[in-house]
Amino acid sequence: MFQVDAAVTLVNFVEGWQADPVMIESAKKFGERVKYLDEHEVVRIEGAGKVSGVVVKDRKTGEEKRLDVSGIFVEIGLLPNSEPVEGLVNLNEHKEVVIDCFCRTSLEGLYAAGDVTTVPHKQIVISAGEGAKAALSAYDYLIRKGMI
């Protein structure tokens, strides 16, 4: 068995955790090997040919600092881009588009899929499957309405 001495720094744009509780508990098990920078934003990634550092900015003070790193993983965020349909369809408290099991929204003929919806587990493979389901549901709707 080998031991890993690597550390991870989580750069968080807002304050606090936005992960599933099981993931939070899992991360806490690593103790001081996981560091947290709340209310920071990534300014730039540095390196030539490979990542050597990331510059982050404290959103409260405006102070920038460079972190020496050998790799990064970018998580875009948790805010769904539902503004184009706000006021047209039902949204939940997280501004996700509310859908049923056929990807139908509250507006007849409008279907939604992916991370913008209430479907759990925001993962690419799930979004792709939901997109296929929404397309088939929309196709079925058009056939039933005699539009194709």
N, C-alpha and C. Protein backbone atom coordinates (compact mmCIF):
# COMPACT_ATOMS: atom_id res chain seq x y z
N MET A 1 0.85 -1.18 0.00
CA MET A 1 0.00 0.00 0.00
C MET A 1 0.89 1.23 0.00
N PHE A 2 0.47 2.27 -0.70
CA PHE A 2 1.24 3.50 -0.77
C PHE A 2 0.49 4.64 -0.09
N GLN A 3 1.22 5.67 0.29
CA GLN A 3 0.63 6.81 0.95
C GLN A 3 0.72 8.02 0.04
N VAL A 4 -0.35 8.76 -0.06
CA VAL A 4 -0.38 9.97 -0.86
C VAL A 4 -0.29 11.16 0.07
N ASP A 5 0.69 12.03 -0.20
CA ASP A 5 0.88 13.21 0.65
C ASP A 5 0.31 14.47 0.00
N ALA A 6 -0.43 14.31 -1.05
CA ALA A 6 -0.97 15.46 -1.77
C ALA A 6 -2.04 16.17 -0.94
N ALA A 7 -2.18 17.45 -1.21
CA ALA A 7 -3.23 18.24 -0.58
C ALA A 7 -4.13 18.81 -1.67
N VAL A 8 -5.34 19.13 -1.28
CA VAL A 8 -6.32 19.71 -2.20
C VAL A 8 -6.82 21.01 -1.60
N THR A 9 -6.91 22.04 -2.44
CA THR A 9 -7.49 23.31 -2.01
C THR A 9 -8.75 23.55 -2.81
N LEU A 10 -9.86 23.70 -2.11
CA LEU A 10 -11.15 23.98 -2.75
C LEU A 10 -11.36 25.49 -2.76
N VAL A 11 -11.42 26.06 -3.95
CA VAL A 11 -11.66 27.50 -4.11
C VAL A 11 -13.14 27.67 -4.37
N ASN A 12 -13.81 28.35 -3.46
CA ASN A 12 -15.27 28.46 -3.49
C ASN A 12 -15.65 29.93 -3.68
N PHE A 13 -16.44 30.23 -4.70
CA PHE A 13 -16.84 31.60 -5.03
C PHE A 13 -17.69 32.23 -3.92
N VAL A 14 -18.52 31.42 -3.28
CA VAL A 14 -19.38 31.91 -2.20
C VAL A 14 -18.93 31.29 -0.88
N GLU A 15 -19.63 31.61 0.19
CA GLU A 15 -19.28 31.07 1.50
C GLU A 15 -20.04 29.78 1.76
N GLY A 16 -19.36 28.80 2.32
CA GLY A 16 -20.02 27.57 2.74
C GLY A 16 -20.02 26.48 1.68
N TRP A 17 -20.49 25.33 2.11
CA TRP A 17 -20.55 24.15 1.26
C TRP A 17 -21.78 24.17 0.38
N GLN A 18 -21.64 23.72 -0.87
CA GLN A 18 -22.79 23.55 -1.75
C GLN A 18 -22.84 22.12 -2.29
N ALA A 19 -22.21 21.20 -1.61
CA ALA A 19 -22.14 19.81 -2.06
C ALA A 19 -23.17 18.96 -1.34
N ASP A 20 -23.38 17.76 -1.88
CA ASP A 20 -24.25 16.79 -1.22
C ASP A 20 -23.63 16.45 0.14
N PRO A 21 -24.46 16.25 1.16
CA PRO A 21 -23.95 15.94 2.51
C PRO A 21 -22.98 14.76 2.54
N VAL A 22 -23.20 13.73 1.75
CA VAL A 22 -22.31 12.58 1.75
C VAL A 22 -20.92 12.98 1.23
N MET A 23 -20.87 13.88 0.26
CA MET A 23 -19.58 14.35 -0.26
C MET A 23 -18.86 15.23 0.76
N ILE A 24 -19.60 16.04 1.48
CA ILE A 24 -19.01 16.89 2.52
C ILE A 24 -18.35 16.02 3.59
N GLU A 25 -19.07 15.00 4.05
CA GLU A 25 -18.53 14.11 5.07
C GLU A 25 -17.30 13.37 4.56
N SER A 26 -17.32 12.97 3.31
CA SER A 26 -16.18 12.28 2.72
C SER A 26 -14.95 13.19 2.69
N ALA A 27 -15.13 14.44 2.30
CA ALA A 27 -14.01 15.39 2.24
C ALA A 27 -13.46 15.68 3.63
N LYS A 28 -14.32 15.76 4.62
CA LYS A 28 -13.89 16.06 5.99
C LYS A 28 -12.97 14.97 6.55
N LYS A 29 -13.08 13.75 6.04
CA LYS A 29 -12.25 12.64 6.52
C LYS A 29 -10.77 12.86 6.20
N PHE A 30 -10.48 13.72 5.23
CA PHE A 30 -9.08 13.97 4.87
C PHE A 30 -8.42 15.03 5.75
N GLY A 31 -9.18 15.60 6.67
CA GLY A 31 -8.63 16.53 7.64
C GLY A 31 -7.93 17.73 7.02
N GLU A 32 -6.70 17.99 7.47
CA GLU A 32 -5.96 19.17 7.04
C GLU A 32 -5.42 19.05 5.61
N ARG A 33 -5.53 17.88 5.02
CA ARG A 33 -5.08 17.73 3.62
C ARG A 33 -6.03 18.41 2.65
N VAL A 34 -7.23 18.77 3.12
CA VAL A 34 -8.18 19.52 2.30
C VAL A 34 -8.30 20.92 2.91
N LYS A 35 -7.95 21.92 2.10
CA LYS A 35 -8.03 23.31 2.55
C LYS A 35 -9.17 24.00 1.81
N TYR A 36 -9.77 25.01 2.43
CA TYR A 36 -10.93 25.68 1.86
C TYR A 36 -10.67 27.18 1.75
N LEU A 37 -10.95 27.72 0.59
CA LEU A 37 -10.86 29.17 0.37
C LEU A 37 -12.24 29.65 -0.05
N ASP A 38 -13.06 30.00 0.92
CA ASP A 38 -14.39 30.52 0.62
C ASP A 38 -14.28 31.96 0.13
N GLU A 39 -15.26 32.36 -0.66
CA GLU A 39 -15.38 33.71 -1.19
C GLU A 39 -14.10 34.15 -1.92
N HIS A 40 -13.61 33.27 -2.76
CA HIS A 40 -12.46 33.55 -3.63
C HIS A 40 -12.85 33.22 -5.07
N GLU A 41 -12.16 33.83 -5.99
CA GLU A 41 -12.38 33.50 -7.40
C GLU A 41 -11.04 33.25 -8.08
N VAL A 42 -11.05 32.39 -9.06
CA VAL A 42 -9.84 32.10 -9.82
C VAL A 42 -9.63 33.23 -10.81
N VAL A 43 -8.45 33.84 -10.76
CA VAL A 43 -8.12 34.93 -11.66
C VAL A 43 -7.44 34.39 -12.92
N ARG A 44 -6.47 33.49 -12.71
CA ARG A 44 -5.80 32.88 -13.87
C ARG A 44 -5.09 31.60 -13.44
N ILE A 45 -4.86 30.79 -14.45
CA ILE A 45 -4.11 29.55 -14.27
C ILE A 45 -2.77 29.77 -14.95
N GLU A 46 -1.69 29.42 -14.27
CA GLU A 46 -0.35 29.67 -14.78
C GLU A 46 0.38 28.37 -15.09
N GLY A 47 1.33 28.47 -16.02
CA GLY A 47 2.16 27.33 -16.37
C GLY A 47 2.48 27.34 -17.85
N ALA A 48 3.54 26.69 -18.20
CA ALA A 48 3.96 26.54 -19.60
C ALA A 48 4.03 25.05 -19.90
N GLY A 49 3.09 24.55 -20.67
CA GLY A 49 3.06 23.13 -20.99
C GLY A 49 2.34 22.30 -19.95
N LYS A 50 2.33 22.76 -18.72
CA LYS A 50 1.57 22.10 -17.65
C LYS A 50 1.26 23.13 -16.57
N VAL A 51 0.28 22.85 -15.77
CA VAL A 51 -0.13 23.78 -14.71
C VAL A 51 0.94 23.84 -13.62
N SER A 52 1.29 25.07 -13.23
CA SER A 52 2.25 25.23 -12.13
C SER A 52 1.67 26.08 -11.00
N GLY A 53 0.59 26.78 -11.28
CA GLY A 53 0.00 27.62 -10.24
C GLY A 53 -1.34 28.16 -10.66
N VAL A 54 -2.05 28.67 -9.67
CA VAL A 54 -3.33 29.32 -9.91
C VAL A 54 -3.36 30.57 -9.03
N VAL A 55 -3.79 31.69 -9.61
CA VAL A 55 -3.91 32.94 -8.87
C VAL A 55 -5.37 33.10 -8.50
N VAL A 56 -5.61 33.31 -7.20
CA VAL A 56 -6.97 33.49 -6.70
C VAL A 56 -7.10 34.87 -6.06
N LYS A 57 -8.31 35.37 -6.07
CA LYS A 57 -8.58 36.70 -5.51
C LYS A 57 -9.63 36.57 -4.41
N ASP A 58 -9.33 37.16 -3.25
CA ASP A 58 -10.26 37.21 -2.14
C ASP A 58 -11.36 38.20 -2.51
N ARG A 59 -12.61 37.75 -2.58
CA ARG A 59 -13.71 38.61 -3.01
C ARG A 59 -14.07 39.67 -1.97
N LYS A 60 -13.65 39.49 -0.72
CA LYS A 60 -13.93 40.48 0.33
C LYS A 60 -12.89 41.60 0.31
N THR A 61 -11.61 41.21 0.21
CA THR A 61 -10.53 42.20 0.34
C THR A 61 -9.93 42.62 -1.00
N GLY A 62 -10.15 41.82 -2.04
CA GLY A 62 -9.55 42.11 -3.35
C GLY A 62 -8.11 41.63 -3.45
N GLU A 63 -7.57 41.07 -2.37
CA GLU A 63 -6.18 40.58 -2.36
C GLU A 63 -6.03 39.36 -3.26
N GLU A 64 -4.97 39.35 -4.06
CA GLU A 64 -4.67 38.20 -4.91
C GLU A 64 -3.50 37.43 -4.33
N LYS A 65 -3.54 36.11 -4.50
CA LYS A 65 -2.42 35.28 -4.07
C LYS A 65 -2.26 34.12 -5.04
N ARG A 66 -1.03 33.66 -5.16
CA ARG A 66 -0.72 32.55 -6.05
C ARG A 66 -0.58 31.27 -5.24
N LEU A 67 -1.24 30.21 -5.71
CA LEU A 67 -1.12 28.90 -5.10
C LEU A 67 -0.28 28.02 -6.03
N ASP A 68 0.77 27.42 -5.50
CA ASP A 68 1.56 26.47 -6.29
C ASP A 68 0.79 25.16 -6.37
N VAL A 69 0.43 24.76 -7.57
CA VAL A 69 -0.34 23.53 -7.76
C VAL A 69 0.24 22.76 -8.94
N SER A 70 -0.04 21.47 -8.96
CA SER A 70 0.41 20.64 -10.08
C SER A 70 -0.75 20.18 -10.94
N GLY A 71 -1.96 20.58 -10.57
CA GLY A 71 -3.14 20.21 -11.35
C GLY A 71 -4.35 20.94 -10.82
N ILE A 72 -5.38 21.02 -11.66
CA ILE A 72 -6.62 21.67 -11.25
C ILE A 72 -7.81 20.87 -11.77
N PHE A 73 -8.93 21.03 -11.11
CA PHE A 73 -10.21 20.50 -11.58
C PHE A 73 -11.19 21.64 -11.46
N VAL A 74 -11.86 21.97 -12.56
CA VAL A 74 -12.79 23.10 -12.58
C VAL A 74 -14.21 22.58 -12.48
N GLU A 75 -14.93 23.06 -11.50
CA GLU A 75 -16.36 22.79 -11.34
C GLU A 75 -17.05 24.11 -11.63
N ILE A 76 -17.85 24.15 -12.65
CA ILE A 76 -18.44 25.40 -13.11
C ILE A 76 -19.32 26.05 -12.06
N GLY A 77 -20.20 25.31 -11.46
CA GLY A 77 -21.07 25.92 -10.47
C GLY A 77 -22.41 25.24 -10.39
N LEU A 78 -23.23 25.79 -9.53
CA LEU A 78 -24.51 25.17 -9.25
C LEU A 78 -25.70 26.01 -9.67
N LEU A 79 -25.48 27.17 -10.26
CA LEU A 79 -26.60 28.02 -10.62
C LEU A 79 -27.07 27.69 -12.03
N PRO A 80 -28.30 27.22 -12.16
CA PRO A 80 -28.80 26.89 -13.50
C PRO A 80 -29.05 28.15 -14.32
N ASN A 81 -28.81 28.06 -15.61
CA ASN A 81 -29.02 29.18 -16.52
C ASN A 81 -30.47 29.14 -17.02
N SER A 82 -31.40 29.49 -16.15
CA SER A 82 -32.82 29.40 -16.48
C SER A 82 -33.45 30.75 -16.80
N GLU A 83 -32.65 31.81 -16.85
CA GLU A 83 -33.20 33.14 -17.10
C GLU A 83 -34.03 33.23 -18.38
N PRO A 84 -33.64 32.55 -19.48
CA PRO A 84 -34.44 32.67 -20.70
C PRO A 84 -35.89 32.19 -20.57
N VAL A 85 -36.16 31.31 -19.60
CA VAL A 85 -37.53 30.79 -19.44
C VAL A 85 -38.19 31.26 -18.15
N GLU A 86 -37.52 32.14 -17.41
CA GLU A 86 -38.10 32.66 -16.18
C GLU A 86 -39.38 33.41 -16.51
N GLY A 87 -40.46 33.08 -15.82
CA GLY A 87 -41.75 33.69 -16.10
C GLY A 87 -42.57 32.91 -17.12
N LEU A 88 -41.95 31.99 -17.84
CA LEU A 88 -42.66 31.16 -18.81
C LEU A 88 -43.04 29.82 -18.23
N VAL A 89 -42.14 29.24 -17.41
CA VAL A 89 -42.36 27.92 -16.84
C VAL A 89 -42.13 27.97 -15.34
N ASN A 90 -42.58 26.94 -14.66
CA ASN A 90 -42.36 26.85 -13.21
C ASN A 90 -40.90 26.57 -12.91
N LEU A 91 -40.35 27.33 -11.97
CA LEU A 91 -39.00 27.11 -11.46
C LEU A 91 -39.11 26.79 -9.98
N ASN A 92 -38.16 26.01 -9.48
CA ASN A 92 -38.16 25.73 -8.04
C ASN A 92 -37.34 26.81 -7.31
N GLU A 93 -37.13 26.60 -6.02
CA GLU A 93 -36.42 27.60 -5.20
C GLU A 93 -34.96 27.78 -5.61
N HIS A 94 -34.40 26.82 -6.37
CA HIS A 94 -33.02 26.91 -6.85
C HIS A 94 -32.96 27.44 -8.28
N LYS A 95 -34.12 27.87 -8.79
CA LYS A 95 -34.26 28.38 -10.17
C LYS A 95 -34.03 27.29 -11.21
N GLU A 96 -34.27 26.04 -10.82
CA GLU A 96 -34.24 24.93 -11.77
C GLU A 96 -35.60 24.81 -12.43
N VAL A 97 -35.62 24.43 -13.71
CA VAL A 97 -36.87 24.23 -14.43
C VAL A 97 -37.51 22.93 -13.94
N VAL A 98 -38.74 23.04 -13.48
CA VAL A 98 -39.47 21.88 -12.98
C VAL A 98 -39.97 21.07 -14.17
N ILE A 99 -39.61 19.78 -14.20
CA ILE A 99 -40.04 18.88 -15.27
C ILE A 99 -40.66 17.62 -14.69
N ASP A 100 -41.39 16.91 -15.56
CA ASP A 100 -41.90 15.61 -15.16
C ASP A 100 -41.01 14.52 -15.77
N CYS A 101 -41.43 13.27 -15.68
CA CYS A 101 -40.58 12.17 -16.15
C CYS A 101 -40.45 12.12 -17.67
N PHE A 102 -41.22 12.93 -18.38
CA PHE A 102 -41.10 13.02 -19.84
C PHE A 102 -40.38 14.30 -20.27
N CYS A 103 -39.81 15.02 -19.30
CA CYS A 103 -39.09 16.28 -19.53
C CYS A 103 -40.03 17.42 -19.93
N ARG A 104 -41.33 17.27 -19.67
CA ARG A 104 -42.29 18.33 -19.95
C ARG A 104 -42.19 19.41 -18.88
N THR A 105 -42.30 20.65 -19.30
CA THR A 105 -42.35 21.76 -18.36
C THR A 105 -43.81 22.13 -18.13
N SER A 106 -44.05 23.19 -17.37
CA SER A 106 -45.41 23.63 -17.12
C SER A 106 -46.03 24.33 -18.33
N LEU A 107 -45.25 24.62 -19.36
CA LEU A 107 -45.76 25.23 -20.59
C LEU A 107 -45.88 24.16 -21.65
N GLU A 108 -47.10 23.91 -22.11
CA GLU A 108 -47.33 22.86 -23.10
C GLU A 108 -46.44 23.06 -24.32
N GLY A 109 -45.78 21.98 -24.73
CA GLY A 109 -44.92 22.01 -25.92
C GLY A 109 -43.49 22.43 -25.65
N LEU A 110 -43.18 22.80 -24.41
CA LEU A 110 -41.80 23.18 -24.07
C LEU A 110 -41.20 22.10 -23.18
N TYR A 111 -40.08 21.57 -23.60
CA TYR A 111 -39.39 20.50 -22.90
C TYR A 111 -38.03 21.00 -22.44
N ALA A 112 -37.51 20.43 -21.37
CA ALA A 112 -36.22 20.84 -20.84
C ALA A 112 -35.43 19.62 -20.40
N ALA A 113 -34.11 19.74 -20.45
CA ALA A 113 -33.25 18.63 -20.03
C ALA A 113 -31.93 19.18 -19.52
N GLY A 114 -31.26 18.36 -18.74
CA GLY A 114 -29.92 18.70 -18.29
C GLY A 114 -29.88 19.37 -16.94
N ASP A 115 -28.75 20.01 -16.66
CA ASP A 115 -28.50 20.59 -15.34
C ASP A 115 -29.43 21.74 -14.99
N VAL A 116 -30.11 22.32 -15.97
CA VAL A 116 -31.04 23.42 -15.71
C VAL A 116 -32.35 22.92 -15.09
N THR A 117 -32.55 21.62 -15.09
CA THR A 117 -33.81 21.05 -14.61
C THR A 117 -33.69 20.49 -13.19
N THR A 118 -34.82 20.02 -12.70
CA THR A 118 -34.89 19.46 -11.35
C THR A 118 -34.37 18.04 -11.27
N VAL A 119 -33.90 17.48 -12.36
CA VAL A 119 -33.39 16.11 -12.35
C VAL A 119 -32.18 16.04 -11.39
N PRO A 120 -32.13 15.01 -10.54
CA PRO A 120 -31.00 14.93 -9.59
C PRO A 120 -29.71 14.47 -10.25
N HIS A 121 -28.63 14.61 -9.56
CA HIS A 121 -27.31 14.14 -9.98
C HIS A 121 -26.86 14.83 -11.27
N LYS A 122 -26.36 16.02 -11.15
CA LYS A 122 -25.94 16.83 -12.29
C LYS A 122 -24.64 16.27 -12.87
N GLN A 123 -24.80 15.36 -13.81
CA GLN A 123 -23.66 14.71 -14.46
C GLN A 123 -23.88 14.72 -15.97
N ILE A 124 -22.79 14.77 -16.72
CA ILE A 124 -22.89 14.83 -18.18
C ILE A 124 -23.69 13.66 -18.74
N VAL A 125 -23.39 12.46 -18.30
CA VAL A 125 -24.06 11.28 -18.84
C VAL A 125 -25.56 11.33 -18.56
N ILE A 126 -25.96 11.84 -17.41
CA ILE A 126 -27.38 11.96 -17.09
C ILE A 126 -28.02 13.03 -17.96
N SER A 127 -27.34 14.16 -18.13
CA SER A 127 -27.88 15.23 -18.97
C SER A 127 -28.04 14.77 -20.41
N ALA A 128 -27.10 13.99 -20.91
CA ALA A 128 -27.19 13.47 -22.28
C ALA A 128 -28.40 12.57 -22.43
N GLY A 129 -28.60 11.69 -21.46
CA GLY A 129 -29.77 10.81 -21.49
C GLY A 129 -31.06 11.60 -21.39
N GLU A 130 -31.10 12.60 -20.53
CA GLU A 130 -32.29 13.44 -20.39
C GLU A 130 -32.55 14.22 -21.68
N GLY A 131 -31.49 14.63 -22.36
CA GLY A 131 -31.65 15.33 -23.64
C GLY A 131 -32.30 14.44 -24.68
N ALA A 132 -31.87 13.19 -24.74
CA ALA A 132 -32.46 12.23 -25.66
C ALA A 132 -33.93 12.01 -25.32
N LYS A 133 -34.22 11.88 -24.03
CA LYS A 133 -35.60 11.67 -23.59
C LYS A 133 -36.47 12.88 -23.93
N ALA A 134 -35.95 14.08 -23.72
CA ALA A 134 -36.70 15.30 -24.05
C ALA A 134 -36.96 15.39 -25.55
N ALA A 135 -35.96 15.04 -26.36
CA ALA A 135 -36.14 15.08 -27.82
C ALA A 135 -37.21 14.09 -28.26
N LEU A 136 -37.20 12.89 -27.72
CA LEU A 136 -38.22 11.89 -28.06
C LEU A 136 -39.60 12.33 -27.59
N SER A 137 -39.68 12.93 -26.42
CA SER A 137 -40.96 13.42 -25.90
C SER A 137 -41.49 14.55 -26.77
N ALA A 138 -40.62 15.46 -27.19
CA ALA A 138 -41.03 16.56 -28.05
C ALA A 138 -41.49 16.03 -29.41
N TYR A 139 -40.78 15.06 -29.93
CA TYR A 139 -41.15 14.43 -31.21
C TYR A 139 -42.54 13.80 -31.10
N ASP A 140 -42.77 13.08 -30.02
CA ASP A 140 -44.07 12.46 -29.79
C ASP A 140 -45.16 13.52 -29.70
N TYR A 141 -44.88 14.62 -29.02
CA TYR A 141 -45.84 15.72 -28.90
C TYR A 141 -46.20 16.27 -30.28
N LEU A 142 -45.19 16.49 -31.13
CA LEU A 142 -45.43 17.03 -32.47
C LEU A 142 -46.25 16.07 -33.32
N ILE A 143 -46.00 14.78 -33.20
CA ILE A 143 -46.80 13.78 -33.93
C ILE A 143 -48.25 13.81 -33.47
N ARG A 144 -48.45 13.80 -32.14
CA ARG A 144 -49.81 13.81 -31.59
C ARG A 144 -50.58 15.06 -31.99
N LYS A 145 -49.90 16.18 -32.16
CA LYS A 145 -50.54 17.43 -32.55
C LYS A 145 -50.70 17.56 -34.06
N GLY A 146 -50.21 16.55 -34.80
CA GLY A 146 -50.33 16.58 -36.26
C GLY A 146 -49.42 17.60 -36.91
N MET A 147 -48.35 17.95 -36.25
CA MET A 147 -47.43 18.96 -36.79
C MET A 147 -46.35 18.35 -37.66
N ILE A 148 -46.18 17.04 -37.56
CA ILE A 148 -45.24 16.33 -38.44
C ILE A 148 -45.84 15.00 -38.87
